[in-house]
Amino acid sequence: MSIWTPHGEHDVPRDENSGSQPQGEVGGPPGFDDLSPEEQEQARIMAAELAEVRKRLSETPAEDIIANHAMGIYELAAIHLSGQPPSIDEAKVAIDAMSVLLSGLEGRLGENENVLREALQQIQIAFVQISQQEDIRDEPQPEEETDGI
């Protein structure tokens, strides 16, 4: 498994004991006994996989996980800005969320922080440019005068 950060993709180490086999029996939620044996086994495997993902997440620095989410917010803003027509209000929400996240965690995002700040600046510039283009398109066009024809 790997995780993306602004500095590239990083492998998350796997334990040698990990795999698709659950390390312990998974007790079932209500209705578990109503499942077929195949469905129960599938549920056990899914629960074991979820436990493995949770374990890997707990071993990954929080600053990397947060940076990954911040870049997801950046991508969301870019998607809204690239639509035809652009969704200016939706992009603004995403950009504001990224800005609040970075300002609230200033100095705590490690090596990712500078890249995230640069990404925020770039998406803010794109927002201003696209907003201005949309304002120009929305302005009423002057009607051409006719000479009584």
C-alpha atoms as a PDB file:
ATOM      1  CA  MET A   1       0.000   0.000   0.000  1.00  0.00           C
ATOM      2  CA  SER A   2       1.185   3.525  -0.634  1.00  0.00           C
ATOM      3  CA  ILE A   3       0.069   7.011   0.260  1.00  0.00           C
ATOM      4  CA  TRP A   4       0.378  10.118  -1.871  1.00  0.00           C
ATOM      5  CA  THR A   5       1.959  13.268  -0.503  1.00  0.00           C
ATOM      6  CA  PRO A   6       2.917  16.487  -2.266  1.00  0.00           C
ATOM      7  CA  HIS A   7       6.470  15.097  -2.389  1.00  0.00           C
ATOM      8  CA  GLY A   8       5.391  11.929  -4.184  1.00  0.00           C
ATOM      9  CA  GLU A   9       4.065   8.516  -3.414  1.00  0.00           C
ATOM     10  CA  HIS A  10       5.433   6.699  -0.368  1.00  0.00           C
ATOM     11  CA  ASP A  11       5.188   2.997   0.363  1.00  0.00           C
ATOM     12  CA  VAL A  12       3.604   2.101   3.660  1.00  0.00           C
ATOM     13  CA  PRO A  13       5.422  -0.955   5.046  1.00  0.00           C
ATOM     14  CA  ARG A  14       3.448  -4.161   5.401  1.00  0.00           C
ATOM     15  CA  ASP A  15       3.861  -6.513   8.308  1.00  0.00           C
ATOM     16  CA  GLU A  16       5.075  -9.956   7.349  1.00  0.00           C
ATOM     17  CA  ASN A  17       2.086 -11.414   9.181  1.00  0.00           C
ATOM     18  CA  SER A  18      -0.357  -9.345   7.177  1.00  0.00           C
ATOM     19  CA  GLY A  19      -2.375 -10.768   4.367  1.00  0.00           C
ATOM     20  CA  SER A  20      -5.897 -11.647   3.528  1.00  0.00           C
ATOM     21  CA  GLN A  21      -6.226 -14.095   6.407  1.00  0.00           C
ATOM     22  CA  PRO A  22      -7.841 -12.606   9.506  1.00  0.00           C
ATOM     23  CA  GLN A  23      -5.685 -12.858  12.618  1.00  0.00           C
ATOM     24  CA  GLY A  24      -8.662 -13.631  14.792  1.00  0.00           C
ATOM     25  CA  GLU A  25     -12.224 -14.597  14.362  1.00  0.00           C
ATOM     26  CA  VAL A  26     -14.494 -11.673  13.737  1.00  0.00           C
ATOM     27  CA  GLY A  27     -17.654 -11.653  15.772  1.00  0.00           C
ATOM     28  CA  GLY A  28     -20.646 -10.828  13.699  1.00  0.00           C
ATOM     29  CA  PRO A  29     -23.025  -7.933  13.963  1.00  0.00           C
ATOM     30  CA  PRO A  30     -26.761  -8.551  14.191  1.00  0.00           C
ATOM     31  CA  GLY A  31     -27.839 -10.657  11.224  1.00  0.00           C
ATOM     32  CA  PHE A  32     -24.351 -12.104  10.702  1.00  0.00           C
ATOM     33  CA  ASP A  33     -25.656 -15.612  11.403  1.00  0.00           C
ATOM     34  CA  ASP A  34     -28.227 -15.138   8.631  1.00  0.00           C
ATOM     35  CA  LEU A  35     -25.446 -14.862   6.038  1.00  0.00           C
ATOM     36  CA  SER A  36     -24.320 -17.841   4.017  1.00  0.00           C
ATOM     37  CA  PRO A  37     -20.943 -19.359   4.977  1.00  0.00           C
ATOM     38  CA  GLU A  38     -19.395 -17.710   1.903  1.00  0.00           C
ATOM     39  CA  GLU A  39     -20.835 -14.310   2.863  1.00  0.00           C
ATOM     40  CA  GLN A  40     -19.611 -14.760   6.445  1.00  0.00           C
ATOM     41  CA  GLU A  41     -16.103 -15.547   5.197  1.00  0.00           C
ATOM     42  CA  GLN A  42     -16.211 -12.518   2.900  1.00  0.00           C
ATOM     43  CA  ALA A  43     -17.308 -10.349   5.856  1.00  0.00           C
ATOM     44  CA  ARG A  44     -14.432 -11.716   7.970  1.00  0.00           C
ATOM     45  CA  ILE A  45     -11.923 -10.966   5.203  1.00  0.00           C
ATOM     46  CA  MET A  46     -13.321  -7.457   4.759  1.00  0.00           C
ATOM     47  CA  ALA A  47     -13.106  -6.841   8.519  1.00  0.00           C
ATOM     48  CA  ALA A  48      -9.491  -8.053   8.567  1.00  0.00           C
ATOM     49  CA  GLU A  49      -8.620  -5.821   5.604  1.00  0.00           C
ATOM     50  CA  LEU A  50     -10.244  -2.862   7.333  1.00  0.00           C
ATOM     51  CA  ALA A  51      -8.252  -3.590  10.490  1.00  0.00           C
ATOM     52  CA  GLU A  52      -5.046  -3.706   8.410  1.00  0.00           C
ATOM     53  CA  VAL A  53      -5.845  -0.360   6.753  1.00  0.00           C
ATOM     54  CA  ARG A  54      -6.552   1.202  10.147  1.00  0.00           C
ATOM     55  CA  LYS A  55      -3.237  -0.150  11.448  1.00  0.00           C
ATOM     56  CA  ARG A  56      -1.331   1.276   8.471  1.00  0.00           C
ATOM     57  CA  LEU A  57      -3.057   4.631   8.854  1.00  0.00           C
ATOM     58  CA  SER A  58      -2.094   4.730  12.513  1.00  0.00           C
ATOM     59  CA  GLU A  59       1.546   4.160  11.495  1.00  0.00           C
ATOM     60  CA  THR A  60       1.535   6.962   8.899  1.00  0.00           C
ATOM     61  CA  PRO A  61       2.421  10.469  10.133  1.00  0.00           C
ATOM     62  CA  ALA A  62      -0.716  12.582  10.526  1.00  0.00           C
ATOM     63  CA  GLU A  63       0.931  15.433   8.605  1.00  0.00           C
ATOM     64  CA  ASP A  64       1.130  13.174   5.523  1.00  0.00           C
ATOM     65  CA  ILE A  65      -2.508  12.126   5.812  1.00  0.00           C
ATOM     66  CA  ILE A  66      -3.624  15.746   6.272  1.00  0.00           C
ATOM     67  CA  ALA A  67      -1.495  16.843   3.295  1.00  0.00           C
ATOM     68  CA  ASN A  68      -3.152  14.151   1.206  1.00  0.00           C
ATOM     69  CA  HIS A  69      -6.590  15.424   2.202  1.00  0.00           C
ATOM     70  CA  ALA A  70      -5.558  19.028   1.529  1.00  0.00           C
ATOM     71  CA  MET A  71      -4.518  18.068  -1.994  1.00  0.00           C
ATOM     72  CA  GLY A  72      -7.887  16.378  -2.394  1.00  0.00           C
ATOM     73  CA  ILE A  73      -9.533  19.691  -1.494  1.00  0.00           C
ATOM     74  CA  TYR A  74      -7.260  21.413  -4.031  1.00  0.00           C
ATOM     75  CA  GLU A  75      -8.359  18.921  -6.701  1.00  0.00           C
ATOM     76  CA  LEU A  76     -12.004  19.524  -5.794  1.00  0.00           C
ATOM     77  CA  ALA A  77     -11.538  23.260  -6.331  1.00  0.00           C
ATOM     78  CA  ALA A  78      -9.785  22.624  -9.654  1.00  0.00           C
ATOM     79  CA  ILE A  79     -12.612  20.348 -10.814  1.00  0.00           C
ATOM     80  CA  HIS A  80     -15.202  23.017 -10.032  1.00  0.00           C
ATOM     81  CA  LEU A  81     -13.146  25.694 -11.782  1.00  0.00           C
ATOM     82  CA  SER A  82     -12.641  23.565 -14.889  1.00  0.00           C
ATOM     83  CA  GLY A  83     -16.330  22.857 -15.441  1.00  0.00           C
ATOM     84  CA  GLN A  84     -18.235  24.420 -18.309  1.00  0.00           C
ATOM     85  CA  PRO A  85     -19.516  26.689 -16.932  1.00  0.00           C
ATOM     86  CA  PRO A  86     -17.280  26.810 -13.874  1.00  0.00           C
ATOM     87  CA  SER A  87     -18.931  26.350 -10.474  1.00  0.00           C
ATOM     88  CA  ILE A  88     -17.453  29.464  -8.893  1.00  0.00           C
ATOM     89  CA  ASP A  89     -19.336  29.183  -5.587  1.00  0.00           C
ATOM     90  CA  GLU A  90     -18.407  25.514  -5.130  1.00  0.00           C
ATOM     91  CA  ALA A  91     -14.751  26.220  -5.952  1.00  0.00           C
ATOM     92  CA  LYS A  92     -14.760  29.063  -3.418  1.00  0.00           C
ATOM     93  CA  VAL A  93     -15.923  26.713  -0.657  1.00  0.00           C
ATOM     94  CA  ALA A  94     -13.104  24.267  -1.433  1.00  0.00           C
ATOM     95  CA  ILE A  95     -10.477  27.024  -1.649  1.00  0.00           C
ATOM     96  CA  ASP A  96     -11.662  28.572   1.613  1.00  0.00           C
ATOM     97  CA  ALA A  97     -11.542  25.133   3.277  1.00  0.00           C
ATOM     98  CA  MET A  98      -7.969  24.588   2.130  1.00  0.00           C
ATOM     99  CA  SER A  99      -6.990  28.069   3.312  1.00  0.00           C
ATOM    100  CA  VAL A 100      -8.519  27.531   6.761  1.00  0.00           C
ATOM    101  CA  LEU A 101      -6.857  24.126   7.042  1.00  0.00           C
ATOM    102  CA  LEU A 102      -3.412  25.499   6.206  1.00  0.00           C
ATOM    103  CA  SER A 103      -3.710  28.562   8.420  1.00  0.00           C
ATOM    104  CA  GLY A 104      -5.009  26.474  11.323  1.00  0.00           C
ATOM    105  CA  LEU A 105      -2.102  24.051  11.049  1.00  0.00           C
ATOM    106  CA  GLU A 106       0.592  26.591  10.225  1.00  0.00           C
ATOM    107  CA  GLY A 107       4.003  25.260  11.174  1.00  0.00           C
ATOM    108  CA  ARG A 108       2.708  21.746  11.835  1.00  0.00           C
ATOM    109  CA  LEU A 109       2.622  20.157   8.376  1.00  0.00           C
ATOM    110  CA  GLY A 110       6.337  19.475   8.066  1.00  0.00           C
ATOM    111  CA  GLU A 111       7.922  19.250   4.641  1.00  0.00           C
ATOM    112  CA  ASN A 112       4.499  19.275   2.981  1.00  0.00           C
ATOM    113  CA  GLU A 113       3.605  22.777   4.119  1.00  0.00           C
ATOM    114  CA  ASN A 114       5.449  24.834   1.496  1.00  0.00           C
ATOM    115  CA  VAL A 115       4.102  22.737  -1.371  1.00  0.00           C
ATOM    116  CA  LEU A 116       0.570  23.029   0.002  1.00  0.00           C
ATOM    117  CA  ARG A 117       0.885  26.810   0.355  1.00  0.00           C
ATOM    118  CA  GLU A 118       2.120  27.085  -3.230  1.00  0.00           C
ATOM    119  CA  ALA A 119      -0.787  24.933  -4.413  1.00  0.00           C
ATOM    120  CA  LEU A 120      -3.211  27.163  -2.511  1.00  0.00           C
ATOM    121  CA  GLN A 121      -1.733  30.282  -4.104  1.00  0.00           C
ATOM    122  CA  GLN A 122      -2.006  28.762  -7.579  1.00  0.00           C
ATOM    123  CA  ILE A 123      -5.645  27.731  -7.143  1.00  0.00           C
ATOM    124  CA  GLN A 124      -6.460  31.179  -5.714  1.00  0.00           C
ATOM    125  CA  ILE A 125      -4.896  32.831  -8.781  1.00  0.00           C
ATOM    126  CA  ALA A 126      -6.858  30.515 -11.073  1.00  0.00           C
ATOM    127  CA  PHE A 127     -10.034  31.328  -9.133  1.00  0.00           C
ATOM    128  CA  VAL A 128      -9.547  35.082  -9.587  1.00  0.00           C
ATOM    129  CA  GLN A 129      -8.799  34.730 -13.296  1.00  0.00           C
ATOM    130  CA  ILE A 130     -11.767  32.461 -13.988  1.00  0.00           C
ATOM    131  CA  SER A 131     -14.096  34.592 -11.848  1.00  0.00           C
ATOM    132  CA  GLN A 132     -13.107  37.674 -13.834  1.00  0.00           C
ATOM    133  CA  GLN A 133     -13.719  35.861 -17.120  1.00  0.00           C
ATOM    134  CA  GLU A 134     -17.149  34.788 -15.902  1.00  0.00           C
ATOM    135  CA  ASP A 135     -17.961  38.364 -14.815  1.00  0.00           C
ATOM    136  CA  ILE A 136     -17.087  39.599 -18.307  1.00  0.00           C
ATOM    137  CA  ARG A 137     -19.304  36.922 -19.891  1.00  0.00           C
ATOM    138  CA  ASP A 138     -22.174  37.817 -17.576  1.00  0.00           C
ATOM    139  CA  GLU A 139     -22.080  41.531 -18.423  1.00  0.00           C
ATOM    140  CA  PRO A 140     -24.880  42.575 -20.747  1.00  0.00           C
ATOM    141  CA  GLN A 141     -23.601  43.134 -24.253  1.00  0.00           C
ATOM    142  CA  PRO A 142     -24.436  46.517 -25.781  1.00  0.00           C
ATOM    143  CA  GLU A 143     -26.997  46.234 -28.526  1.00  0.00           C
ATOM    144  CA  GLU A 144     -25.911  47.316 -31.951  1.00  0.00           C
ATOM    145  CA  GLU A 145     -27.652  50.399 -33.171  1.00  0.00           C
ATOM    146  CA  THR A 146     -29.474  50.291 -36.449  1.00  0.00           C
ATOM    147  CA  ASP A 147     -30.042  53.315 -38.623  1.00  0.00           C
ATOM    148  CA  GLY A 148     -33.776  52.877 -38.813  1.00  0.00           C
ATOM    149  CA  ILE A 149     -33.495  49.759 -40.896  1.00  0.00           C
END
